[in-house]
Amino acid sequence: MKIVVIGGTGLIGSKTVERLRNKGHDVLAASPNSGVNTVTGEGLAAALAGAQVVVDLANSPSFEEKVAIEFFETAGRNLFAAETAAGVRHHVALSVVGTDRLQGMGYFRGKMAQERLIKESGIPYTIVHATQFFEFTSAIANAGAVGDTIHLSPAYFQPMAADDVADAMADAALAAPLNGMIEIAGPERVRLSELVGRFLKATKDPRKLVVDPHALYYGAVEIDDRTLVPGENARIGSIHFDDWLSHSAQQK
């Protein structure tokens, strides 16, 4: 098949492209750098010509509400117009576990708008809801930083490795459209503050961790034990945090 991966040069995109090419498919890694821009519409028609599947991994350039909503709505409308014209048979999109429970944060109102456009597009679709990525552990810590302390909630979450995300996205792209949503998550359900504490210790970060049930997630919303975890039927990744951490340290 011809498969177009929007955001195909990013963290998840590059890994997904590699997996699909290894399975023998004709894969176009589409991004503004390759002349394909979903916000302006530049290059979309040519990129999607002859494509059976589109995998949308593009992300808003900002968490700020206005920027995020404008990005997801504009990109979505342009993408679905081009997909309809090209006869695309399956739209696969990456979203976030707990999007509906994080509507106090502008970015997730943008993700909700994106999902609404997908469902209304008329194109068969699969939405993949992923938990937080291990690769963003440092960003979570920094978002909770106040001087030389880091304030984090002890709420449960179930993060996963980007490699497991890419495996799931590639599998979804090659499967029949669900016209619904699936959830994917890591193998460990752990407290956010505990896992970041392990990360700080492993990376020899001297900042002090303060566990606070009212600490805001990414400085925006309070979370509880249900906010960031998947339901019962989630696809579970195979890579554990400590193994990922050890591998990441070896690569540096």
C-alpha atoms as a PDB file:
ATOM      1  CA  MET A   1       0.000   0.000   0.000  1.00  0.00           C
ATOM      2  CA  LYS A   2       0.904   3.641  -0.264  1.00  0.00           C
ATOM      3  CA  ILE A   3       0.807   5.087   3.246  1.00  0.00           C
ATOM      4  CA  VAL A   4       1.339   8.766   4.052  1.00  0.00           C
ATOM      5  CA  VAL A   5       2.594   9.534   7.552  1.00  0.00           C
ATOM      6  CA  ILE A   6       1.871  13.144   8.495  1.00  0.00           C
ATOM      7  CA  GLY A   7       4.535  14.241  10.956  1.00  0.00           C
ATOM      8  CA  GLY A   8       6.664  11.433   9.578  1.00  0.00           C
ATOM      9  CA  THR A   9       9.979  12.920  10.713  1.00  0.00           C
ATOM     10  CA  GLY A  10       9.099  13.345  14.414  1.00  0.00           C
ATOM     11  CA  LEU A  11       9.728  11.059  17.392  1.00  0.00           C
ATOM     12  CA  ILE A  12       6.849   8.656  16.721  1.00  0.00           C
ATOM     13  CA  GLY A  13       6.604   9.415  13.005  1.00  0.00           C
ATOM     14  CA  SER A  14      10.136   8.394  12.090  1.00  0.00           C
ATOM     15  CA  LYS A  15       9.803   5.122  13.998  1.00  0.00           C
ATOM     16  CA  THR A  16       6.406   4.372  12.428  1.00  0.00           C
ATOM     17  CA  VAL A  17       7.713   5.098   8.929  1.00  0.00           C
ATOM     18  CA  GLU A  18      10.623   2.713   9.505  1.00  0.00           C
ATOM     19  CA  ARG A  19       8.315  -0.086  10.641  1.00  0.00           C
ATOM     20  CA  LEU A  20       5.944   0.285   7.703  1.00  0.00           C
ATOM     21  CA  ARG A  21       8.785   0.418   5.168  1.00  0.00           C
ATOM     22  CA  ASN A  22      10.295  -2.705   6.703  1.00  0.00           C
ATOM     23  CA  LYS A  23       6.991  -4.457   5.965  1.00  0.00           C
ATOM     24  CA  GLY A  24       7.368  -3.550   2.284  1.00  0.00           C
ATOM     25  CA  HIS A  25       4.939  -0.632   1.994  1.00  0.00           C
ATOM     26  CA  ASP A  26       5.408   2.560  -0.016  1.00  0.00           C
ATOM     27  CA  VAL A  27       5.618   5.131   2.793  1.00  0.00           C
ATOM     28  CA  LEU A  28       5.845   8.901   2.426  1.00  0.00           C
ATOM     29  CA  ALA A  29       7.168  10.734   5.481  1.00  0.00           C
ATOM     30  CA  ALA A  30       5.297  14.015   5.132  1.00  0.00           C
ATOM     31  CA  SER A  31       6.280  17.169   7.031  1.00  0.00           C
ATOM     32  CA  PRO A  32       6.752  20.880   6.322  1.00  0.00           C
ATOM     33  CA  ASN A  33      10.444  20.139   5.702  1.00  0.00           C
ATOM     34  CA  SER A  34       9.446  17.797   2.862  1.00  0.00           C
ATOM     35  CA  GLY A  35       7.038  20.351   1.375  1.00  0.00           C
ATOM     36  CA  VAL A  36       3.830  19.018   2.927  1.00  0.00           C
ATOM     37  CA  ASN A  37       2.077  21.410   5.286  1.00  0.00           C
ATOM     38  CA  THR A  38      -1.332  20.522   6.686  1.00  0.00           C
ATOM     39  CA  VAL A  39      -1.907  24.032   8.079  1.00  0.00           C
ATOM     40  CA  THR A  40      -1.391  25.859   4.767  1.00  0.00           C
ATOM     41  CA  GLY A  41      -2.420  22.903   2.602  1.00  0.00           C
ATOM     42  CA  GLU A  42       0.864  23.098   0.675  1.00  0.00           C
ATOM     43  CA  GLY A  43       1.775  19.825  -1.056  1.00  0.00           C
ATOM     44  CA  LEU A  44      -1.128  17.836   0.420  1.00  0.00           C
ATOM     45  CA  ALA A  45      -2.853  16.896  -2.830  1.00  0.00           C
ATOM     46  CA  ALA A  46       0.357  15.632  -4.446  1.00  0.00           C
ATOM     47  CA  ALA A  47       1.428  13.751  -1.316  1.00  0.00           C
ATOM     48  CA  LEU A  48      -1.901  11.951  -0.930  1.00  0.00           C
ATOM     49  CA  ALA A  49      -2.330  10.996  -4.598  1.00  0.00           C
ATOM     50  CA  GLY A  50      -2.753   7.214  -4.714  1.00  0.00           C
ATOM     51  CA  ALA A  51      -2.596   6.772  -0.920  1.00  0.00           C
ATOM     52  CA  GLN A  52      -4.814   4.194   0.730  1.00  0.00           C
ATOM     53  CA  VAL A  53      -3.918   5.070   4.335  1.00  0.00           C
ATOM     54  CA  VAL A  54      -2.993   8.284   6.144  1.00  0.00           C
ATOM     55  CA  VAL A  55      -1.399   8.183   9.605  1.00  0.00           C
ATOM     56  CA  ASP A  56      -1.637  11.555  11.341  1.00  0.00           C
ATOM     57  CA  LEU A  57       1.112  12.080  13.908  1.00  0.00           C
ATOM     58  CA  ALA A  58       1.449  15.855  13.575  1.00  0.00           C
ATOM     59  CA  ASN A  59       1.271  17.893  16.765  1.00  0.00           C
ATOM     60  CA  SER A  60       0.487  21.462  17.722  1.00  0.00           C
ATOM     61  CA  PRO A  61       3.565  23.703  18.027  1.00  0.00           C
ATOM     62  CA  SER A  62       2.254  24.956  21.385  1.00  0.00           C
ATOM     63  CA  PHE A  63       0.199  23.843  24.416  1.00  0.00           C
ATOM     64  CA  GLU A  64      -1.465  27.272  24.409  1.00  0.00           C
ATOM     65  CA  GLU A  65      -5.208  26.864  23.809  1.00  0.00           C
ATOM     66  CA  LYS A  66      -5.716  29.234  20.887  1.00  0.00           C
ATOM     67  CA  VAL A  67      -2.698  27.908  18.995  1.00  0.00           C
ATOM     68  CA  ALA A  68      -3.583  24.255  19.634  1.00  0.00           C
ATOM     69  CA  ILE A  69      -7.223  24.565  18.618  1.00  0.00           C
ATOM     70  CA  GLU A  70      -6.384  26.542  15.474  1.00  0.00           C
ATOM     71  CA  PHE A  71      -3.698  24.021  14.519  1.00  0.00           C
ATOM     72  CA  PHE A  72      -5.840  20.893  14.949  1.00  0.00           C
ATOM     73  CA  GLU A  73      -8.953  22.402  13.331  1.00  0.00           C
ATOM     74  CA  THR A  74      -7.168  23.971  10.347  1.00  0.00           C
ATOM     75  CA  ALA A  75      -4.910  20.969   9.735  1.00  0.00           C
ATOM     76  CA  GLY A  76      -7.846  18.594  10.111  1.00  0.00           C
ATOM     77  CA  ARG A  77     -10.059  20.391   7.608  1.00  0.00           C
ATOM     78  CA  ASN A  78      -7.270  20.611   5.043  1.00  0.00           C
ATOM     79  CA  LEU A  79      -6.273  16.992   5.552  1.00  0.00           C
ATOM     80  CA  PHE A  80      -9.784  15.582   5.231  1.00  0.00           C
ATOM     81  CA  ALA A  81     -10.531  17.618   2.115  1.00  0.00           C
ATOM     82  CA  ALA A  82      -7.364  16.222   0.516  1.00  0.00           C
ATOM     83  CA  GLU A  83      -8.090  12.675   1.734  1.00  0.00           C
ATOM     84  CA  THR A  84     -11.617  12.786   0.334  1.00  0.00           C
ATOM     85  CA  ALA A  85     -10.324  13.972  -3.040  1.00  0.00           C
ATOM     86  CA  ALA A  86      -7.650  11.251  -3.073  1.00  0.00           C
ATOM     87  CA  GLY A  87     -10.012   8.450  -2.042  1.00  0.00           C
ATOM     88  CA  VAL A  88      -8.110   7.570   1.148  1.00  0.00           C
ATOM     89  CA  ARG A  89      -9.669   4.498   2.766  1.00  0.00           C
ATOM     90  CA  HIS A  90      -8.333   4.689   6.321  1.00  0.00           C
ATOM     91  CA  HIS A  91      -7.329   7.621   8.561  1.00  0.00           C
ATOM     92  CA  VAL A  92      -5.282   6.681  11.635  1.00  0.00           C
ATOM     93  CA  ALA A  93      -4.619   9.314  14.287  1.00  0.00           C
ATOM     94  CA  LEU A  94      -2.609   9.397  17.502  1.00  0.00           C
ATOM     95  CA  SER A  95      -4.320  11.012  20.474  1.00  0.00           C
ATOM     96  CA  VAL A  96      -4.016  10.832  24.254  1.00  0.00           C
ATOM     97  CA  VAL A  97      -5.480   8.619  26.976  1.00  0.00           C
ATOM     98  CA  GLY A  98      -7.600  10.857  29.187  1.00  0.00           C
ATOM     99  CA  THR A  99      -8.226  13.575  26.575  1.00  0.00           C
ATOM    100  CA  ASP A 100     -11.861  13.806  27.700  1.00  0.00           C
ATOM    101  CA  ARG A 101     -10.742  14.083  31.347  1.00  0.00           C
ATOM    102  CA  LEU A 102      -8.159  16.828  30.675  1.00  0.00           C
ATOM    103  CA  GLN A 103     -10.457  19.448  29.176  1.00  0.00           C
ATOM    104  CA  GLY A 104      -9.260  21.999  31.735  1.00  0.00           C
ATOM    105  CA  MET A 105      -6.108  22.271  29.604  1.00  0.00           C
ATOM    106  CA  GLY A 106      -6.362  24.158  26.308  1.00  0.00           C
ATOM    107  CA  TYR A 107      -4.174  21.686  24.401  1.00  0.00           C
ATOM    108  CA  PHE A 108      -6.600  18.869  25.120  1.00  0.00           C
ATOM    109  CA  ARG A 109      -9.543  20.961  23.980  1.00  0.00           C
ATOM    110  CA  GLY A 110      -7.587  21.119  20.718  1.00  0.00           C
ATOM    111  CA  LYS A 111      -7.205  17.323  20.695  1.00  0.00           C
ATOM    112  CA  MET A 112     -10.927  16.942  21.324  1.00  0.00           C
ATOM    113  CA  ALA A 113     -11.625  19.207  18.350  1.00  0.00           C
ATOM    114  CA  GLN A 114      -9.300  17.042  16.248  1.00  0.00           C
ATOM    115  CA  GLU A 115     -11.128  13.872  17.251  1.00  0.00           C
ATOM    116  CA  ARG A 116     -14.503  15.440  16.490  1.00  0.00           C
ATOM    117  CA  LEU A 117     -13.347  16.340  12.961  1.00  0.00           C
ATOM    118  CA  ILE A 118     -12.092  12.785  12.432  1.00  0.00           C
ATOM    119  CA  LYS A 119     -15.462  11.312  13.403  1.00  0.00           C
ATOM    120  CA  GLU A 120     -17.352  13.775  11.187  1.00  0.00           C
ATOM    121  CA  SER A 121     -15.046  13.409   8.164  1.00  0.00           C
ATOM    122  CA  GLY A 122     -16.846  10.480   6.552  1.00  0.00           C
ATOM    123  CA  ILE A 123     -13.504   8.682   6.110  1.00  0.00           C
ATOM    124  CA  PRO A 124     -13.096   5.311   7.886  1.00  0.00           C
ATOM    125  CA  TYR A 125     -10.840   5.890  10.898  1.00  0.00           C
ATOM    126  CA  THR A 126      -8.983   4.526  13.892  1.00  0.00           C
ATOM    127  CA  ILE A 127      -8.055   6.785  16.813  1.00  0.00           C
ATOM    128  CA  VAL A 128      -5.224   5.488  19.002  1.00  0.00           C
ATOM    129  CA  HIS A 129      -5.188   6.890  22.531  1.00  0.00           C
ATOM    130  CA  ALA A 130      -1.701   6.558  24.031  1.00  0.00           C
ATOM    131  CA  THR A 131      -0.531   7.220  27.561  1.00  0.00           C
ATOM    132  CA  GLN A 132       2.366   9.572  28.295  1.00  0.00           C
ATOM    133  CA  PHE A 133       5.729   8.689  26.698  1.00  0.00           C
ATOM    134  CA  PHE A 134       8.835   7.852  28.735  1.00  0.00           C
ATOM    135  CA  GLU A 135      10.655  10.329  26.508  1.00  0.00           C
ATOM    136  CA  PHE A 136       8.699  13.204  28.099  1.00  0.00           C
ATOM    137  CA  THR A 137       9.629  12.402  31.710  1.00  0.00           C
ATOM    138  CA  SER A 138      12.130  15.263  31.806  1.00  0.00           C
ATOM    139  CA  ALA A 139       9.501  17.677  30.455  1.00  0.00           C
ATOM    140  CA  ILE A 140       7.028  16.584  33.154  1.00  0.00           C
ATOM    141  CA  ALA A 141       9.661  17.220  35.819  1.00  0.00           C
ATOM    142  CA  ASN A 142      10.509  20.639  34.417  1.00  0.00           C
ATOM    143  CA  ALA A 143       6.839  21.607  34.205  1.00  0.00           C
ATOM    144  CA  GLY A 144       6.548  21.010  37.950  1.00  0.00           C
ATOM    145  CA  ALA A 145       9.737  22.875  38.833  1.00  0.00           C
ATOM    146  CA  VAL A 146       9.647  25.710  41.340  1.00  0.00           C
ATOM    147  CA  GLY A 147      13.209  26.903  41.919  1.00  0.00           C
ATOM    148  CA  ASP A 148      15.225  23.878  43.023  1.00  0.00           C
ATOM    149  CA  THR A 149      12.144  21.787  43.883  1.00  0.00           C
ATOM    150  CA  ILE A 150       9.794  19.780  41.667  1.00  0.00           C
ATOM    151  CA  HIS A 151       6.141  19.573  42.701  1.00  0.00           C
ATOM    152  CA  LEU A 152       4.283  16.560  41.326  1.00  0.00           C
ATOM    153  CA  SER A 153       1.033  14.716  41.903  1.00  0.00           C
ATOM    154  CA  PRO A 154       1.110  11.148  43.269  1.00  0.00           C
ATOM    155  CA  ALA A 155      -1.687  10.188  40.843  1.00  0.00           C
ATOM    156  CA  TYR A 156      -1.278   6.953  38.918  1.00  0.00           C
ATOM    157  CA  PHE A 157      -0.285   6.885  35.270  1.00  0.00           C
ATOM    158  CA  GLN A 158       0.924   4.177  32.890  1.00  0.00           C
ATOM    159  CA  PRO A 159       3.579   5.645  30.578  1.00  0.00           C
ATOM    160  CA  MET A 160       5.115   3.868  27.605  1.00  0.00           C
ATOM    161  CA  ALA A 161       8.114   3.896  25.275  1.00  0.00           C
ATOM    162  CA  ALA A 162       7.970   5.626  21.893  1.00  0.00           C
ATOM    163  CA  ASP A 163       9.013   2.327  20.287  1.00  0.00           C
ATOM    164  CA  ASP A 164       5.874   0.634  21.655  1.00  0.00           C
ATOM    165  CA  VAL A 165       3.759   3.551  20.412  1.00  0.00           C
ATOM    166  CA  ALA A 166       5.239   3.208  16.921  1.00  0.00           C
ATOM    167  CA  ASP A 167       4.572  -0.545  16.911  1.00  0.00           C
ATOM    168  CA  ALA A 168       0.922   0.107  17.717  1.00  0.00           C
ATOM    169  CA  MET A 169       0.575   2.873  15.113  1.00  0.00           C
ATOM    170  CA  ALA A 170       2.065   0.678  12.385  1.00  0.00           C
ATOM    171  CA  ASP A 171      -0.255  -2.191  13.317  1.00  0.00           C
ATOM    172  CA  ALA A 172      -3.286   0.138  13.299  1.00  0.00           C
ATOM    173  CA  ALA A 173      -2.317   1.454   9.861  1.00  0.00           C
ATOM    174  CA  LEU A 174      -2.267  -2.063   8.432  1.00  0.00           C
ATOM    175  CA  ALA A 175      -5.482  -3.222  10.105  1.00  0.00           C
ATOM    176  CA  ALA A 176      -9.060  -2.529   9.040  1.00  0.00           C
ATOM    177  CA  PRO A 177     -10.549   0.775  10.247  1.00  0.00           C
ATOM    178  CA  LEU A 178     -12.295   0.479  13.609  1.00  0.00           C
ATOM    179  CA  ASN A 179     -14.393   3.632  13.257  1.00  0.00           C
ATOM    180  CA  GLY A 180     -13.618   3.910  16.935  1.00  0.00           C
ATOM    181  CA  MET A 181     -10.827   4.233  19.469  1.00  0.00           C
ATOM    182  CA  ILE A 182      -8.244   1.903  20.976  1.00  0.00           C
ATOM    183  CA  GLU A 183      -6.014   2.584  23.987  1.00  0.00           C
ATOM    184  CA  ILE A 184      -2.337   1.733  24.363  1.00  0.00           C
ATOM    185  CA  ALA A 185      -0.231   1.952  27.517  1.00  0.00           C
ATOM    186  CA  GLY A 186       2.973   0.849  29.194  1.00  0.00           C
ATOM    187  CA  PRO A 187       3.392  -2.313  31.287  1.00  0.00           C
ATOM    188  CA  GLU A 188       3.605  -0.535  34.679  1.00  0.00           C
ATOM    189  CA  ARG A 189       0.937   1.459  36.488  1.00  0.00           C
ATOM    190  CA  VAL A 190       2.960   3.708  38.783  1.00  0.00           C
ATOM    191  CA  ARG A 191       2.597   6.955  40.661  1.00  0.00           C
ATOM    192  CA  LEU A 192       3.695   9.970  38.637  1.00  0.00           C
ATOM    193  CA  SER A 193       5.811  11.348  41.484  1.00  0.00           C
ATOM    194  CA  GLU A 194       7.487   7.967  42.058  1.00  0.00           C
ATOM    195  CA  LEU A 195       8.495   7.440  38.431  1.00  0.00           C
ATOM    196  CA  VAL A 196       9.834  10.972  38.028  1.00  0.00           C
ATOM    197  CA  GLY A 197      11.740  10.456  41.287  1.00  0.00           C
ATOM    198  CA  ARG A 198      13.405   7.392  39.773  1.00  0.00           C
ATOM    199  CA  PHE A 199      14.266   9.462  36.708  1.00  0.00           C
ATOM    200  CA  LEU A 200      15.786  12.274  38.792  1.00  0.00           C
ATOM    201  CA  LYS A 201      17.894   9.806  40.754  1.00  0.00           C
ATOM    202  CA  ALA A 202      19.093   7.985  37.628  1.00  0.00           C
ATOM    203  CA  THR A 203      20.030  11.241  35.893  1.00  0.00           C
ATOM    204  CA  LYS A 204      21.660  12.632  39.073  1.00  0.00           C
ATOM    205  CA  ASP A 205      19.306  15.614  39.082  1.00  0.00           C
ATOM    206  CA  PRO A 206      19.835  17.386  42.450  1.00  0.00           C
ATOM    207  CA  ARG A 207      16.405  19.002  42.619  1.00  0.00           C
ATOM    208  CA  LYS A 208      14.147  17.958  45.511  1.00  0.00           C
ATOM    209  CA  LEU A 209      10.892  16.196  44.725  1.00  0.00           C
ATOM    210  CA  VAL A 210       7.801  17.448  46.564  1.00  0.00           C
ATOM    211  CA  VAL A 211       4.779  15.139  46.418  1.00  0.00           C
ATOM    212  CA  ASP A 212       1.627  17.251  46.307  1.00  0.00           C
ATOM    213  CA  PRO A 213      -1.857  15.860  45.462  1.00  0.00           C
ATOM    214  CA  HIS A 214      -2.837  19.350  44.260  1.00  0.00           C
ATOM    215  CA  ALA A 215       0.195  19.858  42.015  1.00  0.00           C
ATOM    216  CA  LEU A 216      -0.940  20.790  38.514  1.00  0.00           C
ATOM    217  CA  TYR A 217      -0.152  18.501  35.586  1.00  0.00           C
ATOM    218  CA  TYR A 218       1.926  20.552  33.124  1.00  0.00           C
ATOM    219  CA  GLY A 219       1.050  23.548  35.275  1.00  0.00           C
ATOM    220  CA  ALA A 220      -2.562  23.436  34.108  1.00  0.00           C
ATOM    221  CA  VAL A 221      -4.896  20.883  35.714  1.00  0.00           C
ATOM    222  CA  GLU A 222      -5.221  18.757  38.831  1.00  0.00           C
ATOM    223  CA  ILE A 223      -5.272  15.018  38.176  1.00  0.00           C
ATOM    224  CA  ASP A 224      -6.375  11.956  40.119  1.00  0.00           C
ATOM    225  CA  ASP A 225      -5.757   8.218  39.920  1.00  0.00           C
ATOM    226  CA  ARG A 226      -8.142   7.869  36.968  1.00  0.00           C
ATOM    227  CA  THR A 227      -7.139  10.827  34.780  1.00  0.00           C
ATOM    228  CA  LEU A 228      -4.104   9.395  32.962  1.00  0.00           C
ATOM    229  CA  VAL A 229      -4.730   5.639  33.016  1.00  0.00           C
ATOM    230  CA  PRO A 230      -6.373   3.501  30.329  1.00  0.00           C
ATOM    231  CA  GLY A 231      -9.409   1.279  30.617  1.00  0.00           C
ATOM    232  CA  GLU A 232      -9.372  -2.492  30.954  1.00  0.00           C
ATOM    233  CA  ASN A 233      -8.848  -3.480  27.325  1.00  0.00           C
ATOM    234  CA  ALA A 234      -5.763  -1.418  26.483  1.00  0.00           C
ATOM    235  CA  ARG A 235      -2.954  -2.829  24.370  1.00  0.00           C
ATOM    236  CA  ILE A 236       0.052  -3.084  26.700  1.00  0.00           C
ATOM    237  CA  GLY A 237       3.602  -2.346  25.535  1.00  0.00           C
ATOM    238  CA  SER A 238       6.555  -4.566  26.376  1.00  0.00           C
ATOM    239  CA  ILE A 239       9.237  -2.021  27.333  1.00  0.00           C
ATOM    240  CA  HIS A 240       9.619  -1.249  31.058  1.00  0.00           C
ATOM    241  CA  PHE A 241      10.727   2.166  32.276  1.00  0.00           C
ATOM    242  CA  ASP A 242      13.962   0.984  33.921  1.00  0.00           C
ATOM    243  CA  ASP A 243      14.992  -0.863  30.757  1.00  0.00           C
ATOM    244  CA  TRP A 244      14.237   2.228  28.667  1.00  0.00           C
ATOM    245  CA  LEU A 245      16.162   4.398  31.121  1.00  0.00           C
ATOM    246  CA  SER A 246      19.183   2.085  31.042  1.00  0.00           C
ATOM    247  CA  HIS A 247      19.142   1.966  27.234  1.00  0.00           C
ATOM    248  CA  SER A 248      18.796   5.752  27.006  1.00  0.00           C
ATOM    249  CA  ALA A 249      21.766   6.235  29.330  1.00  0.00           C
ATOM    250  CA  GLN A 250      23.887   3.890  27.197  1.00  0.00           C
ATOM    251  CA  GLN A 251      23.129   5.897  24.071  1.00  0.00           C
ATOM    252  CA  LYS A 252      24.393   9.158  25.578  1.00  0.00           C
END
